[in-house]
Amino acid sequence: MTTDQAELFGFPNPLIGVASFAILTTTGAAVLAGATVARWYWLGLQVGALLGLAFVVWLISQSLYVIGALCPYCMVVWAVVVPVFLYVTLRNAAAGVFGDHVADSTAVRVAVEWHAAILVAAFGVVTLLIGVRFWSYWSTLI
């Protein structure tokens, strides 16, 4: 939390999470309550999820290969943003937000059916990267 990466935009990165997760929580509560959300909102949420994923991927690379340390708070955020991106994308694709031709595609049906495997694979890749990067430490614990 004391590195340059912790304040990429000139303020602490957790402030981005506070605002973003508040929007996600509000959206989830509204949808569960039966609200109908406009297409433009879903597209905005998709852009936010994509930017969040890009930021998290950058932070993972910085944490592993530049800073050389793992931050538990950061890893919790990684573990939330990855499924948020996946499920917002799958929901939008299946609901036709990207167009009816996308919603009717075989790729979307397969991705929806295999969503858990996709998520496990994504977490597996991150876990593998962490294991390889810090193998010299992990091997001393054995």
N, C-alpha and C. Protein backbone atom coordinates (compact mmCIF):
# COMPACT_ATOMS: atom_id res chain seq x y z
N MET A 1 0.81 -1.19 0.00
CA MET A 1 0.00 0.00 0.00
C MET A 1 0.86 1.26 0.00
N THR A 2 2.17 1.10 0.05
CA THR A 2 3.04 2.27 0.08
C THR A 2 3.79 2.46 -1.24
N THR A 3 3.49 1.67 -2.24
CA THR A 3 4.18 1.78 -3.53
C THR A 3 3.48 2.80 -4.42
N ASP A 4 4.16 3.17 -5.49
CA ASP A 4 3.56 4.08 -6.47
C ASP A 4 2.31 3.48 -7.10
N GLN A 5 2.28 2.16 -7.24
CA GLN A 5 1.14 1.48 -7.85
C GLN A 5 -0.12 1.61 -7.00
N ALA A 6 0.03 1.85 -5.71
CA ALA A 6 -1.11 1.95 -4.80
C ALA A 6 -1.91 3.24 -4.98
N GLU A 7 -1.33 4.19 -5.67
CA GLU A 7 -2.00 5.46 -5.94
C GLU A 7 -1.79 5.84 -7.40
N LEU A 8 -2.20 4.98 -8.28
CA LEU A 8 -1.94 5.14 -9.70
C LEU A 8 -2.51 6.44 -10.26
N PHE A 9 -3.69 6.84 -9.80
CA PHE A 9 -4.35 8.03 -10.34
C PHE A 9 -4.21 9.25 -9.43
N GLY A 10 -3.30 9.17 -8.47
CA GLY A 10 -3.07 10.30 -7.58
C GLY A 10 -3.85 10.23 -6.28
N PHE A 11 -4.64 9.21 -6.11
CA PHE A 11 -5.37 8.97 -4.86
C PHE A 11 -5.33 7.47 -4.61
N PRO A 12 -5.59 7.03 -3.38
CA PRO A 12 -5.50 5.60 -3.08
C PRO A 12 -6.45 4.75 -3.93
N ASN A 13 -5.92 3.69 -4.51
CA ASN A 13 -6.72 2.78 -5.34
C ASN A 13 -7.96 2.25 -4.62
N PRO A 14 -7.93 2.00 -3.31
CA PRO A 14 -9.15 1.49 -2.66
C PRO A 14 -10.37 2.40 -2.84
N LEU A 15 -10.16 3.68 -3.07
CA LEU A 15 -11.30 4.57 -3.31
C LEU A 15 -12.05 4.17 -4.58
N ILE A 16 -11.32 3.68 -5.56
CA ILE A 16 -11.96 3.20 -6.79
C ILE A 16 -12.86 2.01 -6.45
N GLY A 17 -12.35 1.13 -5.63
CA GLY A 17 -13.12 -0.04 -5.22
C GLY A 17 -14.36 0.33 -4.42
N VAL A 18 -14.24 1.29 -3.53
CA VAL A 18 -15.39 1.72 -2.72
C VAL A 18 -16.52 2.19 -3.63
N ALA A 19 -16.18 3.03 -4.61
CA ALA A 19 -17.21 3.54 -5.53
C ALA A 19 -17.73 2.43 -6.44
N SER A 20 -16.83 1.65 -6.98
CA SER A 20 -17.23 0.60 -7.93
C SER A 20 -18.09 -0.47 -7.28
N PHE A 21 -17.68 -0.93 -6.12
CA PHE A 21 -18.43 -1.99 -5.46
C PHE A 21 -19.77 -1.47 -4.93
N ALA A 22 -19.85 -0.19 -4.61
CA ALA A 22 -21.14 0.40 -4.22
C ALA A 22 -22.10 0.38 -5.41
N ILE A 23 -21.60 0.70 -6.59
CA ILE A 23 -22.43 0.66 -7.80
C ILE A 23 -22.89 -0.78 -8.07
N LEU A 24 -21.98 -1.73 -7.96
CA LEU A 24 -22.33 -3.14 -8.19
C LEU A 24 -23.37 -3.63 -7.18
N THR A 25 -23.19 -3.28 -5.92
CA THR A 25 -24.12 -3.69 -4.89
C THR A 25 -25.50 -3.09 -5.12
N THR A 26 -25.54 -1.83 -5.46
CA THR A 26 -26.81 -1.16 -5.74
C THR A 26 -27.50 -1.78 -6.95
N THR A 27 -26.73 -2.05 -7.99
CA THR A 27 -27.29 -2.68 -9.18
C THR A 27 -27.85 -4.05 -8.85
N GLY A 28 -27.11 -4.84 -8.11
CA GLY A 28 -27.57 -6.17 -7.73
C GLY A 28 -28.84 -6.11 -6.91
N ALA A 29 -28.89 -5.20 -5.95
CA ALA A 29 -30.10 -5.07 -5.12
C ALA A 29 -31.29 -4.64 -5.96
N ALA A 30 -31.08 -3.72 -6.88
CA ALA A 30 -32.16 -3.24 -7.74
C ALA A 30 -32.69 -4.36 -8.64
N VAL A 31 -31.78 -5.12 -9.22
CA VAL A 31 -32.18 -6.23 -10.11
C VAL A 31 -32.92 -7.31 -9.31
N LEU A 32 -32.40 -7.63 -8.12
CA LEU A 32 -33.08 -8.62 -7.28
C LEU A 32 -34.46 -8.15 -6.84
N ALA A 33 -34.64 -6.84 -6.71
CA ALA A 33 -35.93 -6.28 -6.32
C ALA A 33 -36.90 -6.20 -7.49
N GLY A 34 -36.41 -6.52 -8.69
CA GLY A 34 -37.29 -6.55 -9.85
C GLY A 34 -37.17 -5.36 -10.77
N ALA A 35 -36.18 -4.52 -10.57
CA ALA A 35 -36.01 -3.35 -11.43
C ALA A 35 -35.61 -3.77 -12.83
N THR A 36 -36.09 -3.03 -13.81
CA THR A 36 -35.67 -3.22 -15.19
C THR A 36 -34.59 -2.19 -15.46
N VAL A 37 -33.43 -2.67 -15.89
CA VAL A 37 -32.30 -1.79 -16.10
C VAL A 37 -32.11 -1.58 -17.60
N ALA A 38 -31.90 -0.34 -17.99
CA ALA A 38 -31.77 0.02 -19.41
C ALA A 38 -30.50 -0.56 -20.02
N ARG A 39 -30.53 -0.75 -21.33
CA ARG A 39 -29.38 -1.30 -22.07
C ARG A 39 -28.14 -0.44 -21.88
N TRP A 40 -28.30 0.88 -21.91
CA TRP A 40 -27.14 1.76 -21.76
C TRP A 40 -26.46 1.57 -20.40
N TYR A 41 -27.25 1.26 -19.39
CA TYR A 41 -26.69 1.03 -18.06
C TYR A 41 -25.86 -0.25 -18.06
N TRP A 42 -26.42 -1.32 -18.68
CA TRP A 42 -25.67 -2.58 -18.76
C TRP A 42 -24.38 -2.40 -19.55
N LEU A 43 -24.44 -1.60 -20.61
CA LEU A 43 -23.21 -1.33 -21.38
C LEU A 43 -22.20 -0.56 -20.53
N GLY A 44 -22.67 0.40 -19.76
CA GLY A 44 -21.79 1.13 -18.86
C GLY A 44 -21.18 0.23 -17.80
N LEU A 45 -21.99 -0.67 -17.27
CA LEU A 45 -21.48 -1.63 -16.29
C LEU A 45 -20.45 -2.55 -16.93
N GLN A 46 -20.69 -2.91 -18.20
CA GLN A 46 -19.73 -3.75 -18.93
C GLN A 46 -18.40 -3.03 -19.11
N VAL A 47 -18.46 -1.76 -19.49
CA VAL A 47 -17.23 -0.97 -19.64
C VAL A 47 -16.50 -0.89 -18.31
N GLY A 48 -17.25 -0.64 -17.24
CA GLY A 48 -16.63 -0.58 -15.91
C GLY A 48 -16.00 -1.90 -15.52
N ALA A 49 -16.68 -3.00 -15.80
CA ALA A 49 -16.14 -4.33 -15.47
C ALA A 49 -14.88 -4.62 -16.29
N LEU A 50 -14.90 -4.22 -17.56
CA LEU A 50 -13.72 -4.42 -18.41
C LEU A 50 -12.54 -3.58 -17.92
N LEU A 51 -12.79 -2.33 -17.59
CA LEU A 51 -11.72 -1.47 -17.06
C LEU A 51 -11.21 -2.01 -15.72
N GLY A 52 -12.14 -2.51 -14.89
CA GLY A 52 -11.74 -3.11 -13.62
C GLY A 52 -10.86 -4.32 -13.83
N LEU A 53 -11.23 -5.17 -14.79
CA LEU A 53 -10.41 -6.35 -15.08
C LEU A 53 -9.03 -5.95 -15.60
N ALA A 54 -9.00 -4.98 -16.50
CA ALA A 54 -7.71 -4.51 -17.03
C ALA A 54 -6.83 -3.97 -15.91
N PHE A 55 -7.44 -3.21 -15.01
CA PHE A 55 -6.69 -2.65 -13.88
C PHE A 55 -6.18 -3.76 -12.96
N VAL A 56 -7.01 -4.75 -12.70
CA VAL A 56 -6.62 -5.87 -11.84
C VAL A 56 -5.50 -6.68 -12.48
N VAL A 57 -5.58 -6.92 -13.78
CA VAL A 57 -4.51 -7.66 -14.46
C VAL A 57 -3.21 -6.88 -14.35
N TRP A 58 -3.27 -5.56 -14.53
CA TRP A 58 -2.07 -4.73 -14.38
C TRP A 58 -1.55 -4.81 -12.95
N LEU A 59 -2.45 -4.73 -11.98
CA LEU A 59 -2.03 -4.80 -10.57
C LEU A 59 -1.43 -6.16 -10.23
N ILE A 60 -1.98 -7.23 -10.79
CA ILE A 60 -1.41 -8.56 -10.57
C ILE A 60 0.02 -8.60 -11.10
N SER A 61 0.22 -8.08 -12.31
CA SER A 61 1.57 -8.10 -12.89
C SER A 61 2.52 -7.24 -12.06
N GLN A 62 2.06 -6.10 -11.58
CA GLN A 62 2.90 -5.24 -10.77
C GLN A 62 3.24 -5.91 -9.44
N SER A 63 2.24 -6.53 -8.84
CA SER A 63 2.45 -7.19 -7.56
C SER A 63 3.45 -8.33 -7.67
N LEU A 64 3.30 -9.13 -8.73
CA LEU A 64 4.16 -10.30 -8.88
C LEU A 64 5.56 -9.95 -9.38
N TYR A 65 5.64 -9.08 -10.38
CA TYR A 65 6.92 -8.92 -11.09
C TYR A 65 7.64 -7.60 -10.85
N VAL A 66 6.99 -6.63 -10.24
CA VAL A 66 7.66 -5.36 -9.95
C VAL A 66 7.84 -5.19 -8.44
N ILE A 67 6.74 -5.26 -7.70
CA ILE A 67 6.80 -5.09 -6.25
C ILE A 67 7.36 -6.34 -5.59
N GLY A 68 6.95 -7.51 -6.07
CA GLY A 68 7.46 -8.77 -5.53
C GLY A 68 6.84 -9.13 -4.19
N ALA A 69 5.59 -8.70 -3.97
CA ALA A 69 4.90 -9.02 -2.71
C ALA A 69 3.42 -9.15 -2.99
N LEU A 70 2.75 -9.93 -2.13
CA LEU A 70 1.31 -10.11 -2.25
C LEU A 70 0.61 -9.33 -1.15
N CYS A 71 -0.44 -8.64 -1.52
CA CYS A 71 -1.24 -7.87 -0.59
C CYS A 71 -2.57 -8.61 -0.41
N PRO A 72 -2.89 -9.06 0.79
CA PRO A 72 -4.13 -9.81 0.99
C PRO A 72 -5.37 -9.03 0.56
N TYR A 73 -5.45 -7.76 0.87
CA TYR A 73 -6.59 -6.94 0.45
C TYR A 73 -6.70 -6.93 -1.08
N CYS A 74 -5.57 -6.76 -1.73
CA CYS A 74 -5.55 -6.72 -3.20
C CYS A 74 -6.02 -8.03 -3.78
N MET A 75 -5.58 -9.14 -3.18
CA MET A 75 -5.97 -10.44 -3.71
C MET A 75 -7.47 -10.69 -3.55
N VAL A 76 -8.07 -10.15 -2.49
CA VAL A 76 -9.53 -10.26 -2.34
C VAL A 76 -10.21 -9.49 -3.46
N VAL A 77 -9.69 -8.31 -3.78
CA VAL A 77 -10.25 -7.52 -4.88
C VAL A 77 -10.10 -8.28 -6.19
N TRP A 78 -8.95 -8.91 -6.43
CA TRP A 78 -8.76 -9.71 -7.64
C TRP A 78 -9.82 -10.80 -7.70
N ALA A 79 -10.04 -11.45 -6.55
CA ALA A 79 -10.98 -12.57 -6.50
C ALA A 79 -12.43 -12.14 -6.70
N VAL A 80 -12.71 -10.86 -6.56
CA VAL A 80 -14.06 -10.35 -6.79
C VAL A 80 -14.20 -9.81 -8.21
N VAL A 81 -13.21 -9.09 -8.69
CA VAL A 81 -13.32 -8.44 -10.00
C VAL A 81 -13.37 -9.46 -11.13
N VAL A 82 -12.62 -10.53 -11.04
CA VAL A 82 -12.63 -11.54 -12.11
C VAL A 82 -14.02 -12.12 -12.32
N PRO A 83 -14.71 -12.61 -11.26
CA PRO A 83 -16.07 -13.10 -11.50
C PRO A 83 -17.06 -12.00 -11.88
N VAL A 84 -16.86 -10.80 -11.37
CA VAL A 84 -17.75 -9.69 -11.77
C VAL A 84 -17.67 -9.50 -13.28
N PHE A 85 -16.46 -9.45 -13.81
CA PHE A 85 -16.32 -9.30 -15.26
C PHE A 85 -16.96 -10.46 -16.00
N LEU A 86 -16.67 -11.67 -15.55
CA LEU A 86 -17.21 -12.86 -16.23
C LEU A 86 -18.73 -12.84 -16.24
N TYR A 87 -19.34 -12.62 -15.08
CA TYR A 87 -20.79 -12.74 -15.01
C TYR A 87 -21.52 -11.54 -15.61
N VAL A 88 -20.95 -10.36 -15.53
CA VAL A 88 -21.57 -9.22 -16.23
C VAL A 88 -21.51 -9.47 -17.74
N THR A 89 -20.38 -9.96 -18.21
CA THR A 89 -20.23 -10.25 -19.64
C THR A 89 -21.19 -11.34 -20.09
N LEU A 90 -21.27 -12.43 -19.34
CA LEU A 90 -22.17 -13.52 -19.70
C LEU A 90 -23.63 -13.06 -19.66
N ARG A 91 -23.99 -12.29 -18.65
CA ARG A 91 -25.36 -11.79 -18.55
C ARG A 91 -25.68 -10.90 -19.74
N ASN A 92 -24.78 -9.99 -20.07
CA ASN A 92 -25.02 -9.07 -21.18
C ASN A 92 -25.07 -9.79 -22.52
N ALA A 93 -24.20 -10.76 -22.70
CA ALA A 93 -24.19 -11.51 -23.96
C ALA A 93 -25.47 -12.32 -24.11
N ALA A 94 -25.88 -13.01 -23.05
CA ALA A 94 -27.07 -13.85 -23.12
C ALA A 94 -28.35 -13.02 -23.24
N ALA A 95 -28.35 -11.81 -22.68
CA ALA A 95 -29.55 -10.97 -22.72
C ALA A 95 -29.65 -10.15 -23.99
N GLY A 96 -28.65 -10.24 -24.86
CA GLY A 96 -28.71 -9.51 -26.12
C GLY A 96 -28.25 -8.08 -26.05
N VAL A 97 -27.57 -7.71 -24.97
CA VAL A 97 -27.07 -6.34 -24.85
C VAL A 97 -26.08 -6.02 -25.96
N PHE A 98 -25.31 -7.02 -26.38
CA PHE A 98 -24.35 -6.83 -27.46
C PHE A 98 -24.97 -7.06 -28.83
N GLY A 99 -26.21 -7.41 -28.86
CA GLY A 99 -26.92 -7.70 -30.11
C GLY A 99 -27.52 -9.10 -30.06
N ASP A 100 -28.62 -9.27 -30.77
CA ASP A 100 -29.31 -10.57 -30.76
C ASP A 100 -28.46 -11.67 -31.39
N HIS A 101 -27.63 -11.30 -32.39
CA HIS A 101 -26.79 -12.32 -33.03
C HIS A 101 -25.79 -12.90 -32.04
N VAL A 102 -25.35 -12.10 -31.07
CA VAL A 102 -24.42 -12.59 -30.04
C VAL A 102 -25.18 -13.48 -29.06
N ALA A 103 -26.36 -13.05 -28.65
CA ALA A 103 -27.14 -13.81 -27.67
C ALA A 103 -27.49 -15.20 -28.19
N ASP A 104 -27.69 -15.33 -29.49
CA ASP A 104 -28.07 -16.61 -30.08
C ASP A 104 -26.87 -17.46 -30.48
N SER A 105 -25.66 -17.01 -30.21
CA SER A 105 -24.48 -17.73 -30.68
C SER A 105 -24.19 -18.95 -29.81
N THR A 106 -23.55 -19.91 -30.43
CA THR A 106 -23.14 -21.13 -29.73
C THR A 106 -22.11 -20.80 -28.66
N ALA A 107 -21.22 -19.86 -28.95
CA ALA A 107 -20.16 -19.51 -28.00
C ALA A 107 -20.75 -19.00 -26.69
N VAL A 108 -21.80 -18.20 -26.77
CA VAL A 108 -22.43 -17.69 -25.55
C VAL A 108 -23.09 -18.83 -24.78
N ARG A 109 -23.79 -19.71 -25.49
CA ARG A 109 -24.44 -20.84 -24.82
C ARG A 109 -23.41 -21.73 -24.13
N VAL A 110 -22.29 -21.98 -24.79
CA VAL A 110 -21.24 -22.81 -24.20
C VAL A 110 -20.62 -22.10 -23.00
N ALA A 111 -20.36 -20.81 -23.13
CA ALA A 111 -19.75 -20.05 -22.02
C ALA A 111 -20.68 -20.01 -20.81
N VAL A 112 -21.97 -19.84 -21.05
CA VAL A 112 -22.93 -19.84 -19.94
C VAL A 112 -22.96 -21.21 -19.28
N GLU A 113 -22.95 -22.26 -20.08
CA GLU A 113 -22.98 -23.62 -19.53
C GLU A 113 -21.71 -23.94 -18.74
N TRP A 114 -20.58 -23.46 -19.21
CA TRP A 114 -19.29 -23.78 -18.61
C TRP A 114 -18.73 -22.64 -17.76
N HIS A 115 -19.60 -21.76 -17.26
CA HIS A 115 -19.14 -20.59 -16.52
C HIS A 115 -18.25 -20.95 -15.33
N ALA A 116 -18.59 -21.99 -14.60
CA ALA A 116 -17.79 -22.36 -13.43
C ALA A 116 -16.39 -22.81 -13.83
N ALA A 117 -16.29 -23.57 -14.90
CA ALA A 117 -14.97 -24.02 -15.37
C ALA A 117 -14.13 -22.85 -15.84
N ILE A 118 -14.77 -21.87 -16.49
CA ILE A 118 -14.04 -20.68 -16.93
C ILE A 118 -13.49 -19.92 -15.73
N LEU A 119 -14.31 -19.79 -14.70
CA LEU A 119 -13.88 -19.08 -13.49
C LEU A 119 -12.77 -19.83 -12.77
N VAL A 120 -12.90 -21.14 -12.65
CA VAL A 120 -11.86 -21.95 -12.01
C VAL A 120 -10.55 -21.85 -12.81
N ALA A 121 -10.64 -21.86 -14.13
CA ALA A 121 -9.44 -21.73 -14.97
C ALA A 121 -8.77 -20.37 -14.75
N ALA A 122 -9.56 -19.32 -14.68
CA ALA A 122 -8.99 -17.98 -14.45
C ALA A 122 -8.27 -17.92 -13.10
N PHE A 123 -8.93 -18.44 -12.06
CA PHE A 123 -8.29 -18.48 -10.74
C PHE A 123 -7.06 -19.38 -10.75
N GLY A 124 -7.13 -20.47 -11.52
CA GLY A 124 -5.99 -21.37 -11.63
C GLY A 124 -4.78 -20.71 -12.25
N VAL A 125 -5.02 -19.89 -13.27
CA VAL A 125 -3.91 -19.17 -13.91
C VAL A 125 -3.25 -18.23 -12.91
N VAL A 126 -4.05 -17.47 -12.17
CA VAL A 126 -3.48 -16.54 -11.18
C VAL A 126 -2.74 -17.31 -10.09
N THR A 127 -3.33 -18.40 -9.63
CA THR A 127 -2.67 -19.22 -8.61
C THR A 127 -1.36 -19.79 -9.13
N LEU A 128 -1.34 -20.24 -10.35
CA LEU A 128 -0.12 -20.75 -10.97
C LEU A 128 0.96 -19.67 -11.07
N LEU A 129 0.56 -18.48 -11.50
CA LEU A 129 1.51 -17.36 -11.59
C LEU A 129 2.11 -17.03 -10.22
N ILE A 130 1.27 -17.03 -9.19
CA ILE A 130 1.75 -16.77 -7.83
C ILE A 130 2.69 -17.89 -7.39
N GLY A 131 2.30 -19.13 -7.65
CA GLY A 131 3.13 -20.27 -7.26
C GLY A 131 4.49 -20.24 -7.92
N VAL A 132 4.52 -19.96 -9.21
CA VAL A 132 5.79 -19.91 -9.94
C VAL A 132 6.65 -18.75 -9.46
N ARG A 133 6.03 -17.58 -9.32
CA ARG A 133 6.79 -16.38 -8.94
C ARG A 133 7.42 -16.52 -7.56
N PHE A 134 6.70 -17.12 -6.64
CA PHE A 134 7.19 -17.21 -5.26
C PHE A 134 7.60 -18.63 -4.88
N TRP A 135 7.95 -19.45 -5.88
CA TRP A 135 8.32 -20.83 -5.60
C TRP A 135 9.49 -20.93 -4.65
N SER A 136 10.44 -20.03 -4.75
CA SER A 136 11.60 -20.09 -3.85
C SER A 136 11.17 -19.94 -2.40
N TYR A 137 10.13 -19.19 -2.14
CA TYR A 137 9.60 -19.06 -0.78
C TYR A 137 8.77 -20.28 -0.40
N TRP A 138 7.83 -20.67 -1.29
CA TRP A 138 6.95 -21.81 -0.97
C TRP A 138 7.76 -23.07 -0.71
N SER A 139 8.84 -23.26 -1.48
CA SER A 139 9.61 -24.50 -1.34
C SER A 139 10.32 -24.58 0.01
N THR A 140 10.55 -23.46 0.68
CA THR A 140 11.17 -23.51 2.00
C THR A 140 10.20 -23.95 3.08
N LEU A 141 8.90 -23.92 2.78
CA LEU A 141 7.88 -24.32 3.75
C LEU A 141 7.63 -25.82 3.74
N ILE A 142 8.13 -26.48 2.70
CA ILE A 142 7.88 -27.92 2.57
C ILE A 142 8.84 -28.72 3.43
